[in-house]
Amino acid sequence: MMFPHCDVHDLDGLLWTHVALLSFCAILIVASLNSQLKDAAPYGRHAEPEKTKAWGFPIPQRVGHIISDALPGILFLTMVYLLYAALLPPNGKFSEVRPINLVLLAGWLLHYLYRGILHPLIMPYSSKTVAVGITVAGMFPNLLFSYLIAAQLACTVYPDDWAARPRFIIGVILYAIGTAINRWADLKLRAGRLAMRKHAGQGKVAGCTGSTAAATPSSASTARESLLDADDGEGRVGESRSGSEVVRNTPTQGPRPRGDVRDQYFIPHGGLYELVSCPNYLGELIEWAGYALAVWSWPALAWMLFGLSTFIPRSLTHQRWYREHFGNEYPAKRKALIPFIL
């Protein structure tokens, strides 16, 4: 596999540093896949109290995501790129400004501007806190791969016609498609969660002013049943729309105990959610596969494989969780990550 020439290869110290780091990445990829298949990290819906304590004290969820994603993926990456491109060595060939390299760098930064800043600010998380160990565990690979990607992009000399080659064009198209799928899936989840919270709030108001009999189930449960039983005017029962979001489940008969998990979570429907449990992971996988094609380097390939080592076990864990808590309500034919395959 021939990659564009990287100036790092001309300096023995940097070359062997990168070889060592890439070798460690290979070990990390295998370890990540193996450990997450055995036991899901305690975050979000998988955050069991005893397991969470083992990961350290809690910090705000939004702060944790910004620290683990934005600091390495934006600040650290930019610092490394500028160091290599402008200062190593002074006035040397690393200091050349190459537009194609900047375009590829922008692809990484655009992802982390969303993932590390916008996403934590707009998503209604199910838990307000996350264990500090989860943040550190997420921050470490982001630092490692951000360094390798930044150094490689700062030092690689791409052919003049690289932007016109099929590999780059296909990579950019896949990156755009994956990004669109990932953002769409996130916004679907966000709209559904906000809809549930809105109706839950209305249920609390009704519970305060209504009769004692009406307040027997938990207010959140009552509101959710109202949400799920609503007729949308087209004769479809059990469906509620909020913007582009569709929340659809089979209504559960009778009151449920207070704190039932289905008062906080719903089964997403519509679009790719009809085919896979985690289209957000599918979109990000396509995004990084396209990025690896466009960049065409060992660090970009290693990052895509590391993403795969995370997305496979997480999507399987999410799917198993849905089936355990929703039973026959969850579509039996829906795959975890890849339509019709996995």
Protein backbone atom coordinates (compact mmCIF):
# COMPACT_ATOMS: atom_id res chain seq x y z
CA MET A 1 0.00 0.00 0.00
CA MET A 2 1.64 3.19 -1.21
CA PHE A 3 0.97 6.38 0.71
CA PRO A 4 2.04 9.92 -0.28
CA HIS A 5 5.52 10.78 0.94
CA CYS A 6 5.66 12.14 4.49
CA ASP A 7 8.63 14.30 5.48
CA VAL A 8 8.63 12.59 8.89
CA HIS A 9 10.34 9.69 7.12
CA ASP A 10 13.38 11.89 6.55
CA LEU A 11 14.05 12.26 10.28
CA ASP A 12 14.91 8.98 12.02
CA GLY A 13 13.78 10.12 15.46
CA LEU A 14 10.33 11.17 14.26
CA LEU A 15 9.97 8.16 11.98
CA TRP A 16 10.51 5.60 14.73
CA THR A 17 8.38 7.58 17.16
CA HIS A 18 5.50 7.34 14.72
CA VAL A 19 6.15 3.66 14.03
CA ALA A 20 6.03 2.98 17.77
CA LEU A 21 2.82 4.97 18.20
CA LEU A 22 1.13 3.25 15.27
CA SER A 23 2.14 -0.13 16.68
CA PHE A 24 0.55 0.88 19.96
CA CYS A 25 -2.57 1.93 18.04
CA ALA A 26 -2.87 -1.61 16.65
CA ILE A 27 -2.77 -3.01 20.19
CA LEU A 28 -5.28 -0.38 21.34
CA ILE A 29 -7.72 -1.27 18.56
CA VAL A 30 -7.75 -4.96 19.50
CA ALA A 31 -7.95 -4.17 23.23
CA SER A 32 -10.81 -1.70 22.68
CA LEU A 33 -12.86 -4.21 20.71
CA ASN A 34 -12.23 -7.02 23.19
CA SER A 35 -12.91 -5.02 26.36
CA GLN A 36 -16.08 -3.34 25.12
CA LEU A 37 -17.52 -6.60 23.81
CA LYS A 38 -17.08 -8.06 27.29
CA ASP A 39 -18.37 -5.13 29.33
CA ALA A 40 -19.89 -1.81 28.29
CA ALA A 41 -18.47 1.35 29.83
CA PRO A 42 -20.86 2.75 32.50
CA TYR A 43 -22.23 5.83 30.76
CA GLY A 44 -25.74 6.97 29.89
CA ARG A 45 -28.28 4.14 30.01
CA HIS A 46 -25.49 1.69 30.94
CA ALA A 47 -24.41 3.61 34.04
CA GLU A 48 -24.99 1.20 36.91
CA PRO A 49 -24.15 2.79 40.31
CA GLU A 50 -21.57 0.22 41.41
CA LYS A 51 -19.74 0.17 38.09
CA THR A 52 -19.82 3.95 37.84
CA LYS A 53 -18.14 4.39 41.24
CA ALA A 54 -15.16 2.34 40.03
CA TRP A 55 -14.53 4.96 37.32
CA GLY A 56 -14.09 7.83 39.75
CA PHE A 57 -16.03 10.84 40.94
CA PRO A 58 -18.77 12.38 38.78
CA ILE A 59 -18.35 15.53 36.70
CA PRO A 60 -20.92 17.36 34.56
CA GLN A 61 -21.68 15.33 31.43
CA ARG A 62 -21.34 18.30 29.09
CA VAL A 63 -18.02 19.35 30.60
CA GLY A 64 -16.74 15.79 30.33
CA HIS A 65 -17.55 15.60 26.63
CA ILE A 66 -15.92 18.94 25.90
CA ILE A 67 -12.76 17.89 27.75
CA SER A 68 -12.53 14.47 26.12
CA ASP A 69 -13.31 15.60 22.56
CA ALA A 70 -12.80 19.33 22.02
CA LEU A 71 -9.48 19.72 23.81
CA PRO A 72 -7.68 16.93 21.92
CA GLY A 73 -9.57 17.15 18.63
CA ILE A 74 -9.38 20.91 18.20
CA LEU A 75 -6.87 22.61 20.49
CA PHE A 76 -4.22 19.89 20.71
CA LEU A 77 -4.50 18.95 17.02
CA THR A 78 -4.07 22.58 15.92
CA MET A 79 -1.07 23.06 18.19
CA VAL A 80 0.66 19.94 16.86
CA TYR A 81 -0.06 20.89 13.25
CA LEU A 82 1.36 24.38 13.70
CA LEU A 83 4.40 23.01 15.51
CA TYR A 84 5.25 20.60 12.73
CA ALA A 85 4.30 22.85 9.83
CA ALA A 86 5.90 26.07 11.08
CA LEU A 87 8.66 25.21 13.53
CA LEU A 88 10.12 21.80 12.67
CA PRO A 89 12.67 22.65 11.41
CA PRO A 90 12.56 26.47 11.23
CA ASN A 91 12.16 27.68 7.65
CA GLY A 92 12.37 24.09 6.40
CA LYS A 93 10.13 22.25 3.95
CA PHE A 94 7.60 21.48 6.69
CA SER A 95 6.67 25.14 6.63
CA GLU A 96 5.23 24.96 3.11
CA VAL A 97 1.54 25.83 2.96
CA ARG A 98 -0.27 23.07 1.07
CA PRO A 99 -4.00 23.73 0.38
CA ILE A 100 -4.94 20.04 0.14
CA ASN A 101 -3.46 19.42 3.58
CA LEU A 102 -5.47 22.29 5.02
CA VAL A 103 -8.67 20.91 3.47
CA LEU A 104 -8.02 17.51 5.07
CA LEU A 105 -7.21 19.17 8.38
CA ALA A 106 -10.50 21.07 8.18
CA GLY A 107 -12.38 17.77 7.79
CA TRP A 108 -11.08 16.63 11.17
CA LEU A 109 -11.74 19.98 12.84
CA LEU A 110 -15.32 20.19 11.50
CA HIS A 111 -16.13 16.85 13.08
CA TYR A 112 -14.74 17.86 16.47
CA LEU A 113 -16.32 21.30 16.42
CA TYR A 114 -19.61 19.42 16.32
CA ARG A 115 -18.72 16.46 18.52
CA GLY A 116 -16.72 18.39 21.10
CA ILE A 117 -18.65 21.67 21.37
CA LEU A 118 -22.04 21.79 19.63
CA HIS A 119 -23.19 18.27 20.51
CA PRO A 120 -22.58 18.64 24.28
CA LEU A 121 -24.37 21.98 24.29
CA ILE A 122 -27.55 20.93 22.44
CA MET A 123 -28.12 17.27 23.41
CA PRO A 124 -30.52 16.57 26.31
CA TYR A 125 -28.48 13.90 28.07
CA SER A 126 -30.28 11.28 30.13
CA SER A 127 -27.70 11.73 32.92
CA LYS A 128 -26.32 15.06 34.08
CA THR A 129 -22.99 13.58 35.19
CA VAL A 130 -20.34 11.16 33.95
CA ALA A 131 -17.53 9.47 35.85
CA VAL A 132 -14.22 11.27 35.42
CA GLY A 133 -12.59 7.99 34.39
CA ILE A 134 -14.89 7.74 31.38
CA THR A 135 -13.79 11.22 30.30
CA VAL A 136 -10.10 10.34 30.70
CA ALA A 137 -10.59 7.05 28.85
CA GLY A 138 -12.18 8.93 25.95
CA MET A 139 -9.59 11.67 25.98
CA PHE A 140 -6.56 9.37 25.68
CA PRO A 141 -7.25 7.91 22.19
CA ASN A 142 -8.37 11.33 20.97
CA LEU A 143 -5.01 12.77 22.02
CA LEU A 144 -3.09 9.90 20.43
CA PHE A 145 -4.84 9.96 17.07
CA SER A 146 -5.08 13.77 16.94
CA TYR A 147 -1.30 13.90 17.30
CA LEU A 148 -0.70 11.32 14.56
CA ILE A 149 -3.18 12.91 12.14
CA ALA A 150 -1.85 16.44 12.74
CA ALA A 151 1.79 15.42 12.34
CA GLN A 152 1.07 13.42 9.19
CA LEU A 153 -0.96 16.19 7.55
CA ALA A 154 1.67 18.81 8.39
CA CYS A 155 4.47 16.74 6.86
CA THR A 156 2.90 14.96 3.89
CA VAL A 157 3.53 16.09 0.32
CA TYR A 158 0.50 15.14 -1.73
CA PRO A 159 0.75 15.02 -5.55
CA ASP A 160 -0.47 18.15 -7.28
CA ASP A 161 -3.45 16.31 -8.78
CA TRP A 162 -4.52 14.64 -5.51
CA ALA A 163 -7.84 16.52 -5.33
CA ALA A 164 -8.78 15.23 -8.80
CA ARG A 165 -8.03 11.58 -8.07
CA PRO A 166 -10.96 9.14 -7.61
CA ARG A 167 -9.71 8.10 -4.17
CA PHE A 168 -9.95 11.66 -2.83
CA ILE A 169 -13.29 12.40 -4.53
CA ILE A 170 -14.92 9.17 -3.28
CA GLY A 171 -13.49 9.83 0.17
CA VAL A 172 -14.97 13.32 0.32
CA ILE A 173 -18.37 12.05 -0.85
CA LEU A 174 -18.38 9.31 1.80
CA TYR A 175 -17.28 11.82 4.43
CA ALA A 176 -20.18 14.12 3.51
CA ILE A 177 -22.73 11.28 3.46
CA GLY A 178 -21.53 9.89 6.79
CA THR A 179 -21.57 13.33 8.39
CA ALA A 180 -25.13 13.96 7.19
CA ILE A 181 -26.32 10.58 8.53
CA ASN A 182 -24.63 11.12 11.88
CA ARG A 183 -26.07 14.61 12.39
CA TRP A 184 -29.53 13.52 11.24
CA ALA A 185 -29.56 10.60 13.68
CA ASP A 186 -28.42 12.81 16.56
CA LEU A 187 -31.10 15.39 15.83
CA LYS A 188 -33.76 12.67 15.66
CA LEU A 189 -32.77 11.49 19.13
CA ARG A 190 -32.64 15.05 20.41
CA ALA A 191 -36.14 15.84 19.10
CA GLY A 192 -37.56 12.65 20.61
CA ARG A 193 -36.03 13.28 24.03
CA LEU A 194 -37.27 16.87 24.06
CA ALA A 195 -40.76 15.68 23.08
CA MET A 196 -40.81 13.20 25.96
CA ARG A 197 -39.66 15.85 28.42
CA LYS A 198 -42.28 18.28 27.17
CA HIS A 199 -45.10 15.79 27.59
CA ALA A 200 -43.72 14.64 30.93
CA GLY A 201 -43.85 18.25 32.12
CA GLN A 202 -47.44 18.55 30.96
CA GLY A 203 -48.22 15.33 32.85
CA LYS A 204 -46.84 16.83 36.06
CA VAL A 205 -49.12 19.85 35.69
CA ALA A 206 -52.12 17.58 35.07
CA GLY A 207 -51.18 15.46 38.07
CA CYS A 208 -51.19 18.50 40.34
CA THR A 209 -54.60 19.70 39.24
CA GLY A 210 -56.40 16.48 38.41
CA SER A 211 -58.07 13.85 40.56
CA THR A 212 -56.29 11.38 42.82
CA ALA A 213 -57.16 8.52 40.47
CA ALA A 214 -55.53 10.32 37.55
CA ALA A 215 -52.30 10.67 39.46
CA THR A 216 -51.90 7.00 40.34
CA PRO A 217 -49.18 6.23 37.73
CA SER A 218 -46.05 8.37 37.78
CA SER A 219 -46.57 11.69 36.05
CA ALA A 220 -43.84 10.88 33.54
CA SER A 221 -45.46 7.51 32.79
CA THR A 222 -48.89 9.10 32.35
CA ALA A 223 -47.47 11.70 30.02
CA ARG A 224 -45.63 9.09 28.01
CA GLU A 225 -48.72 6.93 27.57
CA SER A 226 -50.57 10.03 26.39
CA LEU A 227 -47.75 10.71 23.96
CA LEU A 228 -47.69 7.15 22.61
CA ASP A 229 -51.47 6.73 22.39
CA ALA A 230 -52.00 9.95 20.47
CA ASP A 231 -53.61 9.76 17.05
CA ASP A 232 -51.74 11.94 14.57
CA GLY A 233 -54.83 12.63 12.49
CA GLU A 234 -53.93 10.01 9.88
CA GLY A 235 -55.38 7.04 11.77
CA ARG A 236 -52.08 5.82 13.20
CA VAL A 237 -52.24 5.16 16.90
CA GLY A 238 -49.14 5.09 19.02
CA GLU A 239 -47.19 7.66 17.06
CA SER A 240 -46.12 11.18 17.98
CA ARG A 241 -44.11 13.62 15.97
CA SER A 242 -41.89 16.45 17.11
CA GLY A 243 -40.25 18.15 14.15
CA SER A 244 -38.62 15.30 12.22
CA GLU A 245 -38.70 12.91 15.18
CA VAL A 246 -41.03 9.97 15.39
CA VAL A 247 -41.59 8.20 18.70
CA ARG A 248 -43.57 5.03 18.17
CA ASN A 249 -44.09 2.07 20.49
CA THR A 250 -46.81 -0.38 21.41
CA PRO A 251 -48.68 1.08 24.39
CA THR A 252 -48.14 -0.76 27.67
CA GLN A 253 -51.34 -1.62 29.49
CA GLY A 254 -51.80 -0.46 33.08
CA PRO A 255 -49.62 1.71 35.28
CA ARG A 256 -45.91 1.00 35.52
CA PRO A 257 -43.78 1.40 38.63
CA ARG A 258 -42.30 4.82 39.27
CA GLY A 259 -38.91 5.19 37.60
CA ASP A 260 -39.65 2.71 34.78
CA VAL A 261 -36.87 3.04 32.19
CA ARG A 262 -39.45 3.58 29.44
CA ASP A 263 -40.39 6.87 31.03
CA GLN A 264 -36.97 8.18 29.95
CA TYR A 265 -36.25 6.26 26.74
CA PHE A 266 -38.18 5.48 23.58
CA ILE A 267 -37.74 3.39 20.44
CA PRO A 268 -36.69 5.68 17.58
CA HIS A 269 -38.45 5.15 14.23
CA GLY A 270 -38.07 6.52 10.75
CA GLY A 271 -35.35 6.52 8.10
CA LEU A 272 -32.29 4.47 8.96
CA TYR A 273 -33.70 3.80 12.43
CA GLU A 274 -35.93 1.23 10.72
CA LEU A 275 -32.82 -0.69 9.64
CA VAL A 276 -30.29 -0.28 12.47
CA SER A 277 -30.31 0.55 16.15
CA CYS A 278 -27.47 3.08 15.91
CA PRO A 279 -27.47 5.03 12.64
CA ASN A 280 -25.43 7.72 14.41
CA TYR A 281 -22.57 5.22 14.75
CA LEU A 282 -23.12 4.01 11.19
CA GLY A 283 -22.86 7.58 9.92
CA GLU A 284 -19.66 8.25 11.84
CA LEU A 285 -18.15 5.00 10.56
CA ILE A 286 -18.90 6.02 6.96
CA GLU A 287 -17.54 9.48 7.71
CA TRP A 288 -14.18 8.13 8.95
CA ALA A 289 -13.97 5.56 6.15
CA GLY A 290 -14.29 8.42 3.67
CA TYR A 291 -11.74 10.46 5.60
CA ALA A 292 -9.27 7.57 5.53
CA LEU A 293 -9.67 7.31 1.75
CA ALA A 294 -9.16 11.03 1.21
CA VAL A 295 -6.16 11.32 3.58
CA TRP A 296 -4.68 7.91 2.58
CA SER A 297 -2.29 7.39 5.46
CA TRP A 298 -1.62 4.86 8.22
CA PRO A 299 -2.89 7.19 10.99
CA ALA A 300 -6.19 7.80 9.16
CA LEU A 301 -6.65 4.08 8.54
CA ALA A 302 -5.84 3.28 12.18
CA TRP A 303 -8.37 5.88 13.35
CA MET A 304 -11.10 4.39 11.18
CA LEU A 305 -10.34 0.91 12.56
CA PHE A 306 -10.36 2.24 16.11
CA GLY A 307 -13.77 3.78 15.45
CA LEU A 308 -14.97 0.40 14.18
CA SER A 309 -13.65 -1.26 17.35
CA THR A 310 -15.87 1.11 19.34
CA PHE A 311 -18.97 1.26 17.15
CA ILE A 312 -19.44 -2.53 16.87
CA PRO A 313 -19.59 -3.30 20.61
CA ARG A 314 -21.49 -0.11 21.49
CA SER A 315 -24.18 -0.73 18.88
CA LEU A 316 -24.54 -4.37 19.95
CA THR A 317 -24.81 -3.27 23.59
CA HIS A 318 -27.44 -0.65 22.73
CA GLN A 319 -29.47 -3.15 20.74
CA ARG A 320 -29.31 -5.72 23.55
CA TRP A 321 -30.40 -3.04 26.06
CA TYR A 322 -33.39 -2.06 23.93
CA ARG A 323 -34.52 -5.67 23.59
CA GLU A 324 -34.13 -6.33 27.30
CA HIS A 325 -36.19 -3.31 28.31
CA PHE A 326 -38.77 -3.10 25.50
CA GLY A 327 -39.17 -6.79 24.68
CA ASN A 328 -41.46 -7.50 21.74
CA GLU A 329 -41.99 -3.78 21.15
CA TYR A 330 -38.50 -3.57 19.66
CA PRO A 331 -38.37 -4.52 15.93
CA ALA A 332 -36.92 -8.04 15.68
CA LYS A 333 -35.41 -7.52 12.22
CA ARG A 334 -33.57 -4.30 13.08
CA LYS A 335 -29.77 -4.77 12.96
CA ALA A 336 -27.32 -3.11 15.35
CA LEU A 337 -24.93 -1.15 13.09
CA ILE A 338 -24.83 -2.23 9.43
CA PRO A 339 -28.15 -2.71 7.58
CA PHE A 340 -29.02 -6.37 6.84
CA ILE A 341 -25.58 -7.54 8.07
CA LEU A 342 -24.69 -6.72 11.70
